[in-house]
Amino acid sequence: MQHAVAGAHHIAVLVREGKGPPVVWLGGFKSDMRSTKAEALDAWAARTGRAFIRFDYSGHGESGGDFMEGTITQWLQDSLGVLERHVPGRPVLVGSSMGGWIALLAARHLVEASPARTPLGMVLIAPAVDFTERLMWDRFPESIRRAIEEKGVYHRPSAYSPDPYPITRKLIQDGREHLLFGAPIRTGCPVHILQGMEDPDVPWGHALTLVEHLPGDSVSLTLVKDGDHRLSRSEDLDRLVRAVEAIA
């Protein structure tokens, strides 16, 4: 069943009704809710009768909006809107790459604003926390930084698409308003991180940094020695489902 969140943009949402704590998928940068991992979790939910909600951020997949106008602020608002309208009670948040950062930001909001809706647990796949700063800006050579500052956008080649990804000045600047590293992160729930050690986009050391910033939570970290960024092989999908089952 497909729903839409009313607001500045049409947000496409797929809701599978079911029992137990609702599992919510938060996808990655330029990904969508029909990705391999999201489909694997939906198949698990169908087999087990579990509630599963997935959606596309504005400018992604089947949602409205212009990707070039997207920011962490906007995509966090999209996520909170879906949680408010379609997710009763305490969710289990499953965030992939950028979705890991969004999930942590959403959890912080829920802990502060709606304690009764604090997540029951989180599974984070190659969580790209603070990626606009730590994994983009800090790594960009001066020529790319200058292009972003002067032209407002850098079209970055992608290993996952024939088309480059636009990295905008607006995205970088807005990301600085949401940086999590540098202070303890409190989610109020158990967290399981899945991280490939052959990930070229989010180094496995980044996951260790995240663990260090979760001092008050029960945290498990699974390092996949030959795992890439997507962790979408059959064995990776099985591992993901087991992690969600254990925490949900």
Protein backbone atom coordinates (compact mmCIF):
# COMPACT_ATOMS: atom_id res chain seq x y z
CA MET A 1 0.00 0.00 0.00
CA GLN A 2 1.40 3.38 -0.97
CA HIS A 3 0.81 6.59 0.95
CA ALA A 4 2.03 10.14 0.68
CA VAL A 5 3.05 12.63 3.33
CA ALA A 6 1.55 16.04 2.69
CA GLY A 7 3.94 18.95 2.95
CA ALA A 8 6.30 20.95 0.80
CA HIS A 9 6.84 17.87 -1.36
CA HIS A 10 5.00 14.64 -2.11
CA ILE A 11 6.80 11.93 -0.15
CA ALA A 12 6.24 8.38 -1.39
CA VAL A 13 5.78 5.85 1.40
CA LEU A 14 5.22 2.09 1.32
CA VAL A 15 3.54 0.69 4.42
CA ARG A 16 3.30 -3.04 5.12
CA GLU A 17 0.88 -3.60 7.97
CA GLY A 18 1.92 -6.20 10.52
CA LYS A 19 2.59 -7.12 14.09
CA GLY A 20 5.37 -6.15 16.43
CA PRO A 21 7.40 -2.96 16.60
CA PRO A 22 7.33 -1.23 13.19
CA VAL A 23 10.62 -1.51 11.31
CA VAL A 24 11.46 1.65 9.39
CA TRP A 25 13.94 1.81 6.51
CA LEU A 26 15.99 4.99 5.98
CA GLY A 27 17.92 4.83 2.73
CA GLY A 28 21.15 6.33 1.53
CA PHE A 29 22.22 9.35 -0.49
CA LYS A 30 20.72 9.09 -4.00
CA SER A 31 19.25 5.66 -3.17
CA ASP A 32 15.58 4.74 -2.98
CA MET A 33 13.09 2.62 -1.04
CA ARG A 34 13.17 -0.20 -3.61
CA SER A 35 16.87 -0.92 -3.15
CA THR A 36 18.11 -4.48 -2.71
CA LYS A 37 18.40 -4.23 1.08
CA ALA A 38 14.99 -2.60 1.49
CA GLU A 39 13.39 -5.27 -0.69
CA ALA A 40 15.08 -8.01 1.36
CA LEU A 41 13.65 -6.56 4.56
CA ASP A 42 10.21 -6.24 2.98
CA ALA A 43 10.35 -9.91 1.97
CA TRP A 44 11.30 -10.80 5.56
CA ALA A 45 8.39 -8.70 6.86
CA ALA A 46 5.99 -10.43 4.47
CA ARG A 47 7.18 -13.89 5.61
CA THR A 48 6.98 -13.10 9.30
CA GLY A 49 3.96 -10.81 9.40
CA ARG A 50 5.97 -7.84 10.64
CA ALA A 51 5.17 -4.17 10.09
CA PHE A 52 7.62 -2.50 7.70
CA ILE A 53 7.67 1.10 6.48
CA ARG A 54 9.94 2.55 3.82
CA PHE A 55 9.91 5.84 1.94
CA ASP A 56 11.85 8.06 -0.43
CA TYR A 57 13.32 11.35 0.73
CA SER A 58 12.38 14.40 -1.32
CA GLY A 59 14.31 14.42 -4.59
CA HIS A 60 14.80 10.65 -4.38
CA GLY A 61 13.02 7.75 -6.07
CA GLU A 62 9.27 8.22 -6.36
CA SER A 63 9.02 11.32 -4.17
CA GLY A 64 8.64 14.85 -5.44
CA GLY A 65 11.20 17.60 -5.16
CA ASP A 66 14.54 18.43 -6.74
CA PHE A 67 17.56 16.48 -5.50
CA MET A 68 19.74 19.55 -6.08
CA GLU A 69 17.71 21.37 -3.43
CA GLY A 70 18.09 18.58 -0.90
CA THR A 71 19.77 19.00 2.47
CA ILE A 72 20.17 16.99 5.65
CA THR A 73 17.61 19.30 7.26
CA GLN A 74 15.06 18.53 4.55
CA TRP A 75 15.65 14.78 4.57
CA LEU A 76 15.47 14.68 8.36
CA GLN A 77 12.15 16.54 8.21
CA ASP A 78 10.91 14.03 5.62
CA SER A 79 11.86 11.19 7.96
CA LEU A 80 10.24 12.74 11.01
CA GLY A 81 7.08 13.38 8.98
CA VAL A 82 6.86 9.72 8.01
CA LEU A 83 7.49 8.62 11.60
CA GLU A 84 4.78 10.97 12.85
CA ARG A 85 2.14 9.94 10.31
CA HIS A 86 2.80 6.28 9.63
CA VAL A 87 4.69 4.79 12.58
CA PRO A 88 2.72 4.26 15.79
CA GLY A 89 4.62 3.59 18.96
CA ARG A 90 8.33 2.91 19.24
CA PRO A 91 10.04 2.04 15.93
CA VAL A 92 13.10 0.03 15.03
CA LEU A 93 15.16 2.26 12.74
CA VAL A 94 17.28 0.67 10.00
CA GLY A 95 19.55 3.22 8.35
CA SER A 96 21.89 2.65 5.42
CA SER A 97 24.84 4.97 4.73
CA MET A 98 23.38 8.51 4.90
CA GLY A 99 20.30 6.88 6.39
CA GLY A 100 22.43 5.92 9.38
CA TRP A 101 23.13 9.59 10.06
CA ILE A 102 19.47 10.50 9.51
CA ALA A 103 18.40 7.67 11.85
CA LEU A 104 20.66 8.95 14.63
CA LEU A 105 19.36 12.49 14.17
CA ALA A 106 15.77 11.23 14.20
CA ALA A 107 16.45 9.19 17.34
CA ARG A 108 17.86 12.25 19.08
CA HIS A 109 14.75 14.22 18.15
CA LEU A 110 12.45 11.50 19.46
CA VAL A 111 14.39 11.15 22.72
CA GLU A 112 14.11 14.89 23.33
CA ALA A 113 10.63 15.61 21.97
CA SER A 114 8.68 12.36 22.32
CA PRO A 115 10.26 10.05 24.94
CA ALA A 116 7.37 7.58 24.60
CA ARG A 117 8.38 7.10 20.95
CA THR A 118 12.09 6.57 21.54
CA PRO A 119 13.32 3.85 19.14
CA LEU A 120 13.37 0.30 20.47
CA GLY A 121 16.55 -0.35 18.55
CA MET A 122 18.66 0.63 15.56
CA VAL A 123 20.53 -1.27 12.86
CA LEU A 124 22.97 0.92 10.95
CA ILE A 125 24.64 -0.25 7.73
CA ALA A 126 27.88 1.57 6.87
CA PRO A 127 26.57 4.62 8.75
CA ALA A 128 27.85 7.76 7.04
CA VAL A 129 27.62 10.04 10.07
CA ASP A 130 28.72 13.62 9.29
CA PHE A 131 29.57 12.50 5.75
CA THR A 132 29.17 15.94 4.18
CA GLU A 133 32.07 17.17 6.30
CA ARG A 134 34.22 14.16 7.19
CA LEU A 135 33.83 12.04 4.06
CA MET A 136 33.38 14.81 1.49
CA TRP A 137 34.60 18.30 2.38
CA ASP A 138 37.60 17.20 4.45
CA ARG A 139 38.71 14.88 1.64
CA PHE A 140 38.13 17.20 -1.29
CA PRO A 141 41.20 18.87 -2.82
CA GLU A 142 41.27 22.65 -2.88
CA SER A 143 40.18 22.73 -6.54
CA ILE A 144 36.90 20.94 -5.77
CA ARG A 145 36.26 23.03 -2.67
CA ARG A 146 36.75 26.17 -4.73
CA ALA A 147 34.36 24.89 -7.43
CA ILE A 148 31.68 24.25 -4.81
CA GLU A 149 32.17 27.66 -3.22
CA GLU A 150 32.23 29.57 -6.51
CA LYS A 151 29.79 27.61 -8.67
CA GLY A 152 27.57 26.22 -5.93
CA VAL A 153 27.90 22.61 -7.08
CA TYR A 154 30.41 19.89 -7.92
CA HIS A 155 29.29 16.94 -10.04
CA ARG A 156 31.03 14.01 -8.42
CA PRO A 157 31.53 10.78 -10.42
CA SER A 158 29.78 7.80 -8.84
CA ALA A 159 30.56 4.10 -8.85
CA TYR A 160 26.84 3.41 -8.46
CA SER A 161 25.40 5.44 -11.33
CA PRO A 162 26.40 6.47 -14.86
CA ASP A 163 25.44 10.01 -13.90
CA PRO A 164 27.54 12.03 -11.46
CA TYR A 165 26.09 13.06 -8.10
CA PRO A 166 25.68 16.81 -7.59
CA ILE A 167 27.33 17.93 -4.36
CA THR A 168 25.99 21.39 -3.61
CA ARG A 169 27.28 24.19 -1.44
CA LYS A 170 23.88 24.19 0.22
CA LEU A 171 24.26 20.50 1.17
CA ILE A 172 27.72 21.03 2.67
CA GLN A 173 26.78 24.15 4.60
CA ASP A 174 23.54 22.67 5.92
CA GLY A 175 25.31 19.49 6.97
CA ARG A 176 27.38 21.51 9.43
CA GLU A 177 24.20 22.21 11.39
CA HIS A 178 23.77 18.49 12.09
CA LEU A 179 27.27 17.20 12.89
CA LEU A 180 27.24 14.54 15.61
CA PHE A 181 30.89 13.68 16.12
CA GLY A 182 32.49 15.76 18.84
CA ALA A 183 29.92 15.05 21.55
CA PRO A 184 28.26 11.92 22.97
CA ILE A 185 25.35 10.61 20.89
CA ARG A 186 22.39 9.32 22.87
CA THR A 187 19.80 7.11 21.22
CA GLY A 188 18.24 5.51 24.29
CA CYS A 189 18.27 2.09 22.62
CA PRO A 190 20.55 -0.78 21.53
CA VAL A 191 22.47 -0.18 18.30
CA HIS A 192 23.93 -2.78 15.91
CA ILE A 193 26.34 -1.52 13.24
CA LEU A 194 27.16 -3.55 10.12
CA GLN A 195 30.28 -2.34 8.32
CA GLY A 196 32.28 -3.67 5.38
CA MET A 197 36.05 -3.46 5.71
CA GLU A 198 36.45 -3.04 1.94
CA ASP A 199 34.06 -0.07 1.86
CA PRO A 200 35.64 2.70 -0.29
CA ASP A 201 33.05 5.29 0.71
CA VAL A 202 32.71 4.88 4.49
CA PRO A 203 35.98 3.51 5.93
CA TRP A 204 35.53 0.97 8.70
CA GLY A 205 37.42 3.28 11.02
CA HIS A 206 34.47 5.65 10.69
CA ALA A 207 32.27 2.99 12.31
CA LEU A 208 34.74 2.71 15.19
CA THR A 209 34.52 6.47 15.67
CA LEU A 210 30.76 6.15 15.88
CA VAL A 211 31.04 3.42 18.52
CA GLU A 212 33.23 5.75 20.59
CA HIS A 213 30.49 8.39 20.42
CA LEU A 214 27.78 6.04 21.75
CA PRO A 215 28.95 5.71 25.38
CA GLY A 216 25.54 5.26 26.96
CA ASP A 217 24.04 2.68 24.61
CA SER A 218 24.40 -1.05 24.13
CA VAL A 219 26.40 -1.19 20.89
CA SER A 220 27.36 -4.15 18.70
CA LEU A 221 29.68 -3.77 15.72
CA THR A 222 29.95 -6.43 13.01
CA LEU A 223 32.90 -5.93 10.67
CA VAL A 224 32.61 -7.81 7.38
CA LYS A 225 36.17 -8.43 6.22
CA ASP A 226 35.38 -8.63 2.49
CA GLY A 227 32.30 -6.41 2.61
CA ASP A 228 31.87 -3.38 0.36
CA HIS A 229 29.76 -0.27 0.91
CA ARG A 230 26.46 -1.69 -0.23
CA LEU A 231 26.59 -4.99 1.67
CA SER A 232 23.99 -6.38 -0.72
CA ARG A 233 25.27 -9.89 -1.43
CA SER A 234 23.05 -12.76 -0.34
CA GLU A 235 25.19 -13.40 2.74
CA ASP A 236 25.07 -9.69 3.59
CA LEU A 237 21.29 -9.63 3.28
CA ASP A 238 21.00 -12.69 5.53
CA ARG A 239 23.20 -10.94 8.09
CA LEU A 240 21.05 -7.81 7.90
CA VAL A 241 17.83 -9.74 8.44
CA ARG A 242 19.32 -11.57 11.43
CA ALA A 243 20.44 -8.27 12.94
CA VAL A 244 16.99 -6.74 12.53
CA GLU A 245 15.29 -9.85 13.94
CA ALA A 246 17.57 -9.81 16.97
CA ILE A 247 17.00 -6.16 17.77
CA ALA A 248 13.29 -5.99 16.85
